[in-house]
Amino acid sequence: MHIEFRHLKTIKAIHDAGGLARAAEVMNITQSALSHQIKGLEEQAGVDLFVRRTKPLKLSPAGFKLLKLAERILPEVASMEEDFRSLRSGKSGRLHIAIECHACFEWLFPVLELFRHAWPEVDVDIRPGLSFDALPALQREEVDLVVSSDPETLDGVDFTPLFDYEPVFVASSQHPLAQKEFVVAEDFRNELLITYPVERTRLDVFSQLLIPAKVEPRAIRQVELTAVILLLVASNRGVSVLPDWVVREVKYHSDYVTRPITKNGLTRRLYAATRSDETTKPFMSHLLRLARTEPVKLQRV
């Protein structure tokens, strides 16, 4: 038996309308064409689908089985069609994000909170891009956006600048280095440096300061949570270097001090890497706008 999608629509329309004439009108076909369709379907099934001589027209037991199939499948098809319309119009899609910046969660969550209200049909997920190669995953379409401070030249990938930030030195107000106007690489030589559990090359303090100066801290302690890093620093258990958006409240806290890295400070830039054919999607463009503007508010607090 070969059941077509139109057969399901027909059986549902006749049941809802209560007769061939009304159903044909709803379906915008002639009654004879509808009768011919039903006859052909009954011949395939080898059973009657309707109880004739009843008003309104009633389904036979076999007809009810087909109706149940129609009531299960038709809504799913309608939902799929709506999903396709949303995809064509840019209202829905997938946005899986990989983050190569451990501290980026501090500003990304407020951005995504605004985004979800504007694009509720977009499936959002976050994968910390610290345990896998995020950019190759982007090219393989395993993720859709990578937050990174290290742009590369890759075929089919756009790097959209988001915002500049300043990595700053953070120490206890009781620490000897708190008396300095700024710190330099040599100041870290005798210090316990508290960092995120990330490769050195992905930490600004190493890539931009210590590695070029060939300076090694006395010891390194890796800590997962920003709040714990600040707690240890406040207790004078070590020093750290964090992005300025993370320490927006530290400068008003008497237990901490923040100082520039070098006399002129360090400036870094974050980028959003996306596949070139998706950068201009409506929801992607909106997210990029939010990611350029919202984090800056945190830096100004």
C-alpha atoms as a PDB file:
ATOM      1  CA  MET A   1       0.000   0.000   0.000  1.00  0.00           C
ATOM      2  CA  HIS A   2       1.394   3.353  -1.053  1.00  0.00           C
ATOM      3  CA  ILE A   3       0.185   6.189   1.180  1.00  0.00           C
ATOM      4  CA  GLU A   4       0.946   9.701  -0.001  1.00  0.00           C
ATOM      5  CA  PHE A   5       1.011  12.876   2.057  1.00  0.00           C
ATOM      6  CA  ARG A   6      -2.085  14.113   0.194  1.00  0.00           C
ATOM      7  CA  HIS A   7      -3.999  11.012   1.322  1.00  0.00           C
ATOM      8  CA  LEU A   8      -3.445  11.965   4.967  1.00  0.00           C
ATOM      9  CA  LYS A   9      -4.601  15.502   4.278  1.00  0.00           C
ATOM     10  CA  THR A  10      -7.674  14.142   2.507  1.00  0.00           C
ATOM     11  CA  ILE A  11      -8.754  11.762   5.267  1.00  0.00           C
ATOM     12  CA  LYS A  12      -8.324  14.520   7.856  1.00  0.00           C
ATOM     13  CA  ALA A  13     -10.220  17.081   5.783  1.00  0.00           C
ATOM     14  CA  ILE A  14     -13.196  14.749   5.150  1.00  0.00           C
ATOM     15  CA  HIS A  15     -13.388  13.801   8.828  1.00  0.00           C
ATOM     16  CA  ASP A  16     -13.242  17.433   9.961  1.00  0.00           C
ATOM     17  CA  ALA A  17     -15.683  18.664   7.304  1.00  0.00           C
ATOM     18  CA  GLY A  18     -18.135  15.783   7.704  1.00  0.00           C
ATOM     19  CA  GLY A  19     -18.606  15.223   3.974  1.00  0.00           C
ATOM     20  CA  LEU A  20     -16.966  15.168   0.561  1.00  0.00           C
ATOM     21  CA  ALA A  21     -18.496  18.404  -0.694  1.00  0.00           C
ATOM     22  CA  ARG A  22     -17.224  20.513   2.229  1.00  0.00           C
ATOM     23  CA  ALA A  23     -13.856  18.793   2.224  1.00  0.00           C
ATOM     24  CA  ALA A  24     -13.417  19.391  -1.504  1.00  0.00           C
ATOM     25  CA  GLU A  25     -14.218  23.074  -0.959  1.00  0.00           C
ATOM     26  CA  VAL A  26     -11.678  23.336   1.858  1.00  0.00           C
ATOM     27  CA  MET A  27      -9.039  21.565  -0.218  1.00  0.00           C
ATOM     28  CA  ASN A  28      -9.884  23.621  -3.295  1.00  0.00           C
ATOM     29  CA  ILE A  29     -10.449  20.607  -5.547  1.00  0.00           C
ATOM     30  CA  THR A  30     -13.565  19.206  -7.229  1.00  0.00           C
ATOM     31  CA  GLN A  31     -15.721  16.685  -5.414  1.00  0.00           C
ATOM     32  CA  SER A  32     -15.235  14.181  -8.229  1.00  0.00           C
ATOM     33  CA  ALA A  33     -11.463  14.471  -7.971  1.00  0.00           C
ATOM     34  CA  LEU A  34     -11.707  13.900  -4.225  1.00  0.00           C
ATOM     35  CA  SER A  35     -13.974  10.862  -4.704  1.00  0.00           C
ATOM     36  CA  HIS A  36     -11.554   9.422  -7.261  1.00  0.00           C
ATOM     37  CA  GLN A  37      -8.679   9.871  -4.801  1.00  0.00           C
ATOM     38  CA  ILE A  38     -10.575   8.075  -2.027  1.00  0.00           C
ATOM     39  CA  LYS A  39     -11.560   5.248  -4.375  1.00  0.00           C
ATOM     40  CA  GLY A  40      -7.954   4.741  -5.440  1.00  0.00           C
ATOM     41  CA  LEU A  41      -6.783   4.665  -1.828  1.00  0.00           C
ATOM     42  CA  GLU A  42      -9.472   2.151  -0.831  1.00  0.00           C
ATOM     43  CA  GLU A  43      -8.489  -0.073  -3.748  1.00  0.00           C
ATOM     44  CA  GLN A  44      -4.876  -0.032  -2.518  1.00  0.00           C
ATOM     45  CA  ALA A  45      -5.918  -0.790   1.069  1.00  0.00           C
ATOM     46  CA  GLY A  46      -8.423  -3.440   0.056  1.00  0.00           C
ATOM     47  CA  VAL A  47     -10.911  -2.099   2.643  1.00  0.00           C
ATOM     48  CA  ASP A  48     -13.499   0.664   2.880  1.00  0.00           C
ATOM     49  CA  LEU A  49     -12.264   3.805   4.629  1.00  0.00           C
ATOM     50  CA  PHE A  50     -15.774   5.298   5.068  1.00  0.00           C
ATOM     51  CA  VAL A  51     -19.177   4.038   6.104  1.00  0.00           C
ATOM     52  CA  ARG A  52     -21.361   5.061   3.237  1.00  0.00           C
ATOM     53  CA  ARG A  53     -25.035   6.029   3.620  1.00  0.00           C
ATOM     54  CA  THR A  54     -24.323   8.037   6.779  1.00  0.00           C
ATOM     55  CA  LYS A  55     -24.727  11.752   7.276  1.00  0.00           C
ATOM     56  CA  PRO A  56     -22.340  13.179   8.168  1.00  0.00           C
ATOM     57  CA  LEU A  57     -19.957  10.810   6.440  1.00  0.00           C
ATOM     58  CA  LYS A  58     -18.253   8.582   9.002  1.00  0.00           C
ATOM     59  CA  LEU A  59     -14.937   6.803   8.972  1.00  0.00           C
ATOM     60  CA  SER A  60     -14.768   3.023   9.055  1.00  0.00           C
ATOM     61  CA  PRO A  61     -12.442   1.293  11.561  1.00  0.00           C
ATOM     62  CA  ALA A  62      -9.783   1.224   8.860  1.00  0.00           C
ATOM     63  CA  GLY A  63     -10.429   4.908   8.159  1.00  0.00           C
ATOM     64  CA  PHE A  64      -9.918   5.752  11.836  1.00  0.00           C
ATOM     65  CA  LYS A  65      -6.534   4.025  11.763  1.00  0.00           C
ATOM     66  CA  LEU A  66      -5.526   6.203   8.845  1.00  0.00           C
ATOM     67  CA  LEU A  67      -6.887   9.276  10.645  1.00  0.00           C
ATOM     68  CA  LYS A  68      -4.733   8.545  13.690  1.00  0.00           C
ATOM     69  CA  LEU A  69      -1.726   8.351  11.398  1.00  0.00           C
ATOM     70  CA  ALA A  70      -2.685  11.680   9.835  1.00  0.00           C
ATOM     71  CA  GLU A  71      -3.164  13.350  13.236  1.00  0.00           C
ATOM     72  CA  ARG A  72       0.287  12.226  14.285  1.00  0.00           C
ATOM     73  CA  ILE A  73       2.180  13.053  11.108  1.00  0.00           C
ATOM     74  CA  LEU A  74       0.488  16.225   9.833  1.00  0.00           C
ATOM     75  CA  PRO A  75       1.380  18.386  12.880  1.00  0.00           C
ATOM     76  CA  GLU A  76       4.995  17.201  12.684  1.00  0.00           C
ATOM     77  CA  VAL A  77       5.161  18.109   9.008  1.00  0.00           C
ATOM     78  CA  ALA A  78       3.556  21.494   9.722  1.00  0.00           C
ATOM     79  CA  SER A  79       6.111  22.116  12.460  1.00  0.00           C
ATOM     80  CA  MET A  80       8.934  21.177  10.127  1.00  0.00           C
ATOM     81  CA  GLU A  81       7.592  23.515   7.447  1.00  0.00           C
ATOM     82  CA  GLU A  82       7.496  26.340  10.002  1.00  0.00           C
ATOM     83  CA  ASP A  83      11.070  25.555  11.009  1.00  0.00           C
ATOM     84  CA  PHE A  84      12.116  25.744   7.363  1.00  0.00           C
ATOM     85  CA  ARG A  85      10.327  29.076   6.952  1.00  0.00           C
ATOM     86  CA  SER A  86      12.116  30.380  10.041  1.00  0.00           C
ATOM     87  CA  LEU A  87      15.455  29.189   8.709  1.00  0.00           C
ATOM     88  CA  ARG A  88      14.818  30.878   5.361  1.00  0.00           C
ATOM     89  CA  SER A  89      13.879  34.114   7.110  1.00  0.00           C
ATOM     90  CA  GLY A  90      16.792  33.880   9.536  1.00  0.00           C
ATOM     91  CA  LYS A  91      14.616  33.607  12.654  1.00  0.00           C
ATOM     92  CA  SER A  92      15.986  30.262  13.827  1.00  0.00           C
ATOM     93  CA  GLY A  93      19.166  28.275  13.605  1.00  0.00           C
ATOM     94  CA  ARG A  94      22.048  26.901  15.645  1.00  0.00           C
ATOM     95  CA  LEU A  95      24.596  28.945  17.545  1.00  0.00           C
ATOM     96  CA  HIS A  96      27.165  26.746  19.242  1.00  0.00           C
ATOM     97  CA  ILE A  97      29.976  28.818  20.726  1.00  0.00           C
ATOM     98  CA  ALA A  98      33.535  27.804  21.612  1.00  0.00           C
ATOM     99  CA  ILE A  99      35.556  30.028  23.927  1.00  0.00           C
ATOM    100  CA  GLU A 100      39.341  30.215  23.878  1.00  0.00           C
ATOM    101  CA  CYS A 101      39.232  32.895  26.568  1.00  0.00           C
ATOM    102  CA  HIS A 102      38.624  31.420  30.033  1.00  0.00           C
ATOM    103  CA  ALA A 103      37.436  34.695  31.598  1.00  0.00           C
ATOM    104  CA  CYS A 104      35.031  35.462  28.740  1.00  0.00           C
ATOM    105  CA  PHE A 105      32.146  33.856  30.613  1.00  0.00           C
ATOM    106  CA  GLU A 106      32.061  37.014  32.745  1.00  0.00           C
ATOM    107  CA  TRP A 107      30.737  39.109  29.851  1.00  0.00           C
ATOM    108  CA  LEU A 108      29.339  36.439  27.511  1.00  0.00           C
ATOM    109  CA  PHE A 109      26.457  35.359  29.755  1.00  0.00           C
ATOM    110  CA  PRO A 110      24.923  38.869  29.926  1.00  0.00           C
ATOM    111  CA  VAL A 111      25.234  39.046  26.130  1.00  0.00           C
ATOM    112  CA  LEU A 112      23.480  35.707  25.662  1.00  0.00           C
ATOM    113  CA  GLU A 113      20.755  36.721  28.102  1.00  0.00           C
ATOM    114  CA  LEU A 114      19.885  39.663  25.830  1.00  0.00           C
ATOM    115  CA  PHE A 115      20.254  37.481  22.734  1.00  0.00           C
ATOM    116  CA  ARG A 116      17.853  34.759  23.865  1.00  0.00           C
ATOM    117  CA  HIS A 117      15.048  37.272  24.351  1.00  0.00           C
ATOM    118  CA  ALA A 118      15.477  38.528  20.790  1.00  0.00           C
ATOM    119  CA  TRP A 119      16.045  35.090  19.181  1.00  0.00           C
ATOM    120  CA  PRO A 120      14.187  32.462  21.232  1.00  0.00           C
ATOM    121  CA  GLU A 121      14.180  29.969  18.342  1.00  0.00           C
ATOM    122  CA  VAL A 122      17.961  29.843  18.001  1.00  0.00           C
ATOM    123  CA  ASP A 123      19.569  26.851  19.709  1.00  0.00           C
ATOM    124  CA  VAL A 124      22.452  28.206  21.825  1.00  0.00           C
ATOM    125  CA  ASP A 125      25.176  26.104  23.409  1.00  0.00           C
ATOM    126  CA  ILE A 126      28.630  26.870  24.824  1.00  0.00           C
ATOM    127  CA  ARG A 127      31.718  24.691  24.688  1.00  0.00           C
ATOM    128  CA  PRO A 128      34.851  25.918  26.441  1.00  0.00           C
ATOM    129  CA  GLY A 129      37.407  25.822  23.641  1.00  0.00           C
ATOM    130  CA  LEU A 130      40.224  24.867  25.959  1.00  0.00           C
ATOM    131  CA  SER A 131      40.218  21.095  25.569  1.00  0.00           C
ATOM    132  CA  PHE A 132      39.981  20.962  21.769  1.00  0.00           C
ATOM    133  CA  ASP A 133      41.095  22.960  18.727  1.00  0.00           C
ATOM    134  CA  ALA A 134      38.245  25.422  18.391  1.00  0.00           C
ATOM    135  CA  LEU A 135      39.067  26.923  14.998  1.00  0.00           C
ATOM    136  CA  PRO A 136      39.361  23.573  13.166  1.00  0.00           C
ATOM    137  CA  ALA A 137      36.067  22.636  14.858  1.00  0.00           C
ATOM    138  CA  LEU A 138      34.578  25.817  13.390  1.00  0.00           C
ATOM    139  CA  GLN A 139      35.708  24.828   9.917  1.00  0.00           C
ATOM    140  CA  ARG A 140      34.248  21.343  10.413  1.00  0.00           C
ATOM    141  CA  GLU A 141      30.912  22.981  11.409  1.00  0.00           C
ATOM    142  CA  GLU A 142      31.034  21.417  14.869  1.00  0.00           C
ATOM    143  CA  VAL A 143      30.723  24.906  16.376  1.00  0.00           C
ATOM    144  CA  ASP A 144      29.457  28.139  14.827  1.00  0.00           C
ATOM    145  CA  LEU A 145      31.397  30.882  16.605  1.00  0.00           C
ATOM    146  CA  VAL A 146      34.761  31.000  18.361  1.00  0.00           C
ATOM    147  CA  VAL A 147      35.765  33.769  20.774  1.00  0.00           C
ATOM    148  CA  SER A 148      39.511  34.267  20.469  1.00  0.00           C
ATOM    149  CA  SER A 149      42.214  36.886  20.940  1.00  0.00           C
ATOM    150  CA  ASP A 150      44.447  35.283  18.302  1.00  0.00           C
ATOM    151  CA  PRO A 151      43.112  35.823  14.762  1.00  0.00           C
ATOM    152  CA  GLU A 152      44.479  33.661  11.978  1.00  0.00           C
ATOM    153  CA  THR A 153      44.231  33.650   8.213  1.00  0.00           C
ATOM    154  CA  LEU A 154      41.878  30.763   7.465  1.00  0.00           C
ATOM    155  CA  ASP A 155      39.926  30.005   4.303  1.00  0.00           C
ATOM    156  CA  GLY A 156      36.208  30.558   4.774  1.00  0.00           C
ATOM    157  CA  VAL A 157      36.554  32.119   8.233  1.00  0.00           C
ATOM    158  CA  ASP A 158      35.886  35.741   9.239  1.00  0.00           C
ATOM    159  CA  PHE A 159      37.413  37.319  12.344  1.00  0.00           C
ATOM    160  CA  THR A 160      35.156  40.150  13.506  1.00  0.00           C
ATOM    161  CA  PRO A 161      36.752  42.533  16.052  1.00  0.00           C
ATOM    162  CA  LEU A 162      34.672  42.742  19.221  1.00  0.00           C
ATOM    163  CA  PHE A 163      36.369  45.045  21.721  1.00  0.00           C
ATOM    164  CA  ASP A 164      39.698  45.964  23.233  1.00  0.00           C
ATOM    165  CA  TYR A 165      40.523  45.174  26.836  1.00  0.00           C
ATOM    166  CA  GLU A 166      43.405  45.672  29.236  1.00  0.00           C
ATOM    167  CA  PRO A 167      45.012  42.830  31.181  1.00  0.00           C
ATOM    168  CA  VAL A 168      45.768  44.272  34.632  1.00  0.00           C
ATOM    169  CA  PHE A 169      47.867  43.197  37.588  1.00  0.00           C
ATOM    170  CA  VAL A 170      45.856  42.276  40.688  1.00  0.00           C
ATOM    171  CA  ALA A 171      47.360  41.990  44.169  1.00  0.00           C
ATOM    172  CA  SER A 172      46.448  42.362  47.808  1.00  0.00           C
ATOM    173  CA  SER A 173      46.540  45.918  49.076  1.00  0.00           C
ATOM    174  CA  GLN A 174      49.123  44.624  51.587  1.00  0.00           C
ATOM    175  CA  HIS A 175      51.437  43.274  48.896  1.00  0.00           C
ATOM    176  CA  PRO A 176      54.743  45.148  48.361  1.00  0.00           C
ATOM    177  CA  LEU A 177      54.001  45.571  44.645  1.00  0.00           C
ATOM    178  CA  ALA A 178      50.820  47.470  45.563  1.00  0.00           C
ATOM    179  CA  GLN A 179      53.031  50.499  46.143  1.00  0.00           C
ATOM    180  CA  LYS A 180      54.133  50.605  42.496  1.00  0.00           C
ATOM    181  CA  GLU A 181      52.383  52.658  39.836  1.00  0.00           C
ATOM    182  CA  PHE A 182      52.771  49.830  37.337  1.00  0.00           C
ATOM    183  CA  VAL A 183      54.446  46.418  37.189  1.00  0.00           C
ATOM    184  CA  VAL A 184      56.932  44.984  34.708  1.00  0.00           C
ATOM    185  CA  ALA A 185      58.003  41.463  33.819  1.00  0.00           C
ATOM    186  CA  GLU A 186      60.834  41.382  36.349  1.00  0.00           C
ATOM    187  CA  ASP A 187      58.359  41.997  39.197  1.00  0.00           C
ATOM    188  CA  PHE A 188      56.892  38.510  38.675  1.00  0.00           C
ATOM    189  CA  ARG A 189      60.166  36.634  39.145  1.00  0.00           C
ATOM    190  CA  ASN A 190      59.736  36.130  42.901  1.00  0.00           C
ATOM    191  CA  GLU A 191      55.948  35.842  42.899  1.00  0.00           C
ATOM    192  CA  LEU A 192      53.437  33.028  43.030  1.00  0.00           C
ATOM    193  CA  LEU A 193      51.319  33.704  39.959  1.00  0.00           C
ATOM    194  CA  ILE A 194      47.682  32.527  40.082  1.00  0.00           C
ATOM    195  CA  THR A 195      46.234  31.761  36.640  1.00  0.00           C
ATOM    196  CA  TYR A 196      43.388  29.942  34.974  1.00  0.00           C
ATOM    197  CA  PRO A 197      44.110  26.288  34.023  1.00  0.00           C
ATOM    198  CA  VAL A 198      45.078  27.228  30.482  1.00  0.00           C
ATOM    199  CA  GLU A 199      48.161  26.727  28.322  1.00  0.00           C
ATOM    200  CA  ARG A 200      50.675  29.509  28.827  1.00  0.00           C
ATOM    201  CA  THR A 201      50.408  30.673  25.245  1.00  0.00           C
ATOM    202  CA  ARG A 202      46.722  31.446  25.844  1.00  0.00           C
ATOM    203  CA  LEU A 203      47.388  33.625  28.888  1.00  0.00           C
ATOM    204  CA  ASP A 204      48.103  37.309  28.205  1.00  0.00           C
ATOM    205  CA  VAL A 205      50.575  37.618  31.067  1.00  0.00           C
ATOM    206  CA  PHE A 206      52.779  34.969  29.439  1.00  0.00           C
ATOM    207  CA  SER A 207      52.257  35.633  25.734  1.00  0.00           C
ATOM    208  CA  GLN A 208      52.495  39.420  26.003  1.00  0.00           C
ATOM    209  CA  LEU A 209      54.920  39.908  28.898  1.00  0.00           C
ATOM    210  CA  LEU A 210      56.784  37.025  30.560  1.00  0.00           C
ATOM    211  CA  ILE A 211      57.695  34.855  27.573  1.00  0.00           C
ATOM    212  CA  PRO A 212      59.159  37.766  25.529  1.00  0.00           C
ATOM    213  CA  ALA A 213      61.078  38.940  28.629  1.00  0.00           C
ATOM    214  CA  LYS A 214      62.208  35.370  29.448  1.00  0.00           C
ATOM    215  CA  VAL A 215      60.968  35.733  33.018  1.00  0.00           C
ATOM    216  CA  GLU A 216      59.688  32.769  35.019  1.00  0.00           C
ATOM    217  CA  PRO A 217      57.565  33.321  38.152  1.00  0.00           C
ATOM    218  CA  ARG A 218      58.680  31.663  41.372  1.00  0.00           C
ATOM    219  CA  ALA A 219      55.637  29.363  41.190  1.00  0.00           C
ATOM    220  CA  ILE A 220      52.320  29.022  39.368  1.00  0.00           C
ATOM    221  CA  ARG A 221      49.000  27.990  40.857  1.00  0.00           C
ATOM    222  CA  GLN A 222      46.125  27.179  38.514  1.00  0.00           C
ATOM    223  CA  VAL A 223      42.588  27.955  39.665  1.00  0.00           C
ATOM    224  CA  GLU A 224      39.358  27.374  37.738  1.00  0.00           C
ATOM    225  CA  LEU A 225      37.090  30.101  39.150  1.00  0.00           C
ATOM    226  CA  THR A 226      37.632  33.849  38.999  1.00  0.00           C
ATOM    227  CA  ALA A 227      36.048  34.303  42.438  1.00  0.00           C
ATOM    228  CA  VAL A 228      38.589  31.893  43.972  1.00  0.00           C
ATOM    229  CA  ILE A 229      41.484  33.676  42.263  1.00  0.00           C
ATOM    230  CA  LEU A 230      40.334  36.958  43.795  1.00  0.00           C
ATOM    231  CA  LEU A 231      39.864  35.314  47.177  1.00  0.00           C
ATOM    232  CA  LEU A 232      43.445  34.011  47.150  1.00  0.00           C
ATOM    233  CA  VAL A 233      44.795  37.346  45.988  1.00  0.00           C
ATOM    234  CA  ALA A 234      42.903  39.187  48.746  1.00  0.00           C
ATOM    235  CA  SER A 235      44.462  36.800  51.257  1.00  0.00           C
ATOM    236  CA  ASN A 236      47.907  37.730  49.896  1.00  0.00           C
ATOM    237  CA  ARG A 237      48.479  34.138  48.755  1.00  0.00           C
ATOM    238  CA  GLY A 238      49.691  35.236  45.337  1.00  0.00           C
ATOM    239  CA  VAL A 239      49.196  37.729  42.498  1.00  0.00           C
ATOM    240  CA  SER A 240      47.307  37.481  39.242  1.00  0.00           C
ATOM    241  CA  VAL A 241      46.683  39.147  35.886  1.00  0.00           C
ATOM    242  CA  LEU A 242      43.067  39.395  34.775  1.00  0.00           C
ATOM    243  CA  PRO A 243      41.116  41.230  32.065  1.00  0.00           C
ATOM    244  CA  ASP A 244      39.756  44.612  33.142  1.00  0.00           C
ATOM    245  CA  TRP A 245      36.137  43.456  32.738  1.00  0.00           C
ATOM    246  CA  VAL A 246      36.737  40.807  35.414  1.00  0.00           C
ATOM    247  CA  VAL A 247      38.104  43.260  37.960  1.00  0.00           C
ATOM    248  CA  ARG A 248      35.551  45.998  37.375  1.00  0.00           C
ATOM    249  CA  GLU A 249      34.560  45.853  41.040  1.00  0.00           C
ATOM    250  CA  VAL A 250      38.028  45.176  42.427  1.00  0.00           C
ATOM    251  CA  LYS A 251      39.121  48.792  42.057  1.00  0.00           C
ATOM    252  CA  TYR A 252      36.478  49.779  44.582  1.00  0.00           C
ATOM    253  CA  HIS A 253      37.459  47.042  47.066  1.00  0.00           C
ATOM    254  CA  SER A 254      39.958  47.958  49.786  1.00  0.00           C
ATOM    255  CA  ASP A 255      41.416  44.421  49.891  1.00  0.00           C
ATOM    256  CA  TYR A 256      42.767  44.628  46.346  1.00  0.00           C
ATOM    257  CA  VAL A 257      44.736  46.884  44.083  1.00  0.00           C
ATOM    258  CA  THR A 258      44.972  46.812  40.300  1.00  0.00           C
ATOM    259  CA  ARG A 259      47.935  48.154  38.396  1.00  0.00           C
ATOM    260  CA  PRO A 260      48.797  48.514  34.686  1.00  0.00           C
ATOM    261  CA  ILE A 261      51.154  46.010  33.079  1.00  0.00           C
ATOM    262  CA  THR A 262      54.164  48.134  32.020  1.00  0.00           C
ATOM    263  CA  LYS A 263      54.138  51.921  32.061  1.00  0.00           C
ATOM    264  CA  ASN A 264      51.835  52.253  29.050  1.00  0.00           C
ATOM    265  CA  GLY A 265      49.676  49.246  29.888  1.00  0.00           C
ATOM    266  CA  LEU A 266      48.803  46.320  27.641  1.00  0.00           C
ATOM    267  CA  THR A 267      45.930  46.372  25.161  1.00  0.00           C
ATOM    268  CA  ARG A 268      44.447  43.228  23.678  1.00  0.00           C
ATOM    269  CA  ARG A 269      41.557  42.660  21.279  1.00  0.00           C
ATOM    270  CA  LEU A 270      38.940  39.936  21.249  1.00  0.00           C
ATOM    271  CA  TYR A 271      37.526  38.565  18.001  1.00  0.00           C
ATOM    272  CA  ALA A 272      34.568  36.454  16.997  1.00  0.00           C
ATOM    273  CA  ALA A 273      35.495  33.855  14.389  1.00  0.00           C
ATOM    274  CA  THR A 274      32.608  32.706  12.193  1.00  0.00           C
ATOM    275  CA  ARG A 275      32.250  30.878   8.898  1.00  0.00           C
ATOM    276  CA  SER A 276      32.153  33.475   6.140  1.00  0.00           C
ATOM    277  CA  ASP A 277      28.823  32.314   4.737  1.00  0.00           C
ATOM    278  CA  GLU A 278      27.167  32.713   8.160  1.00  0.00           C
ATOM    279  CA  THR A 279      28.635  35.992   9.408  1.00  0.00           C
ATOM    280  CA  THR A 280      25.812  38.049   7.931  1.00  0.00           C
ATOM    281  CA  LYS A 281      22.951  35.835   9.117  1.00  0.00           C
ATOM    282  CA  PRO A 282      20.469  38.068  10.975  1.00  0.00           C
ATOM    283  CA  PHE A 283      20.826  36.369  14.351  1.00  0.00           C
ATOM    284  CA  MET A 284      24.624  36.126  14.006  1.00  0.00           C
ATOM    285  CA  SER A 285      24.894  39.800  13.122  1.00  0.00           C
ATOM    286  CA  HIS A 286      22.784  40.697  16.147  1.00  0.00           C
ATOM    287  CA  LEU A 287      24.945  38.612  18.471  1.00  0.00           C
ATOM    288  CA  LEU A 288      28.097  40.250  17.124  1.00  0.00           C
ATOM    289  CA  ARG A 289      26.594  43.703  17.745  1.00  0.00           C
ATOM    290  CA  LEU A 290      25.733  42.745  21.320  1.00  0.00           C
ATOM    291  CA  ALA A 291      29.205  41.279  21.858  1.00  0.00           C
ATOM    292  CA  ARG A 292      30.775  44.539  20.687  1.00  0.00           C
ATOM    293  CA  THR A 293      28.761  46.798  22.966  1.00  0.00           C
ATOM    294  CA  GLU A 294      27.642  44.997  26.147  1.00  0.00           C
ATOM    295  CA  PRO A 295      31.101  44.012  27.487  1.00  0.00           C
ATOM    296  CA  VAL A 296      32.259  47.625  27.233  1.00  0.00           C
ATOM    297  CA  LYS A 297      29.609  48.544  29.809  1.00  0.00           C
ATOM    298  CA  LEU A 298      31.281  46.174  32.276  1.00  0.00           C
ATOM    299  CA  GLN A 299      34.621  47.907  31.750  1.00  0.00           C
ATOM    300  CA  ARG A 300      33.084  51.279  32.609  1.00  0.00           C
ATOM    301  CA  VAL A 301      31.489  50.281  35.895  1.00  0.00           C
END
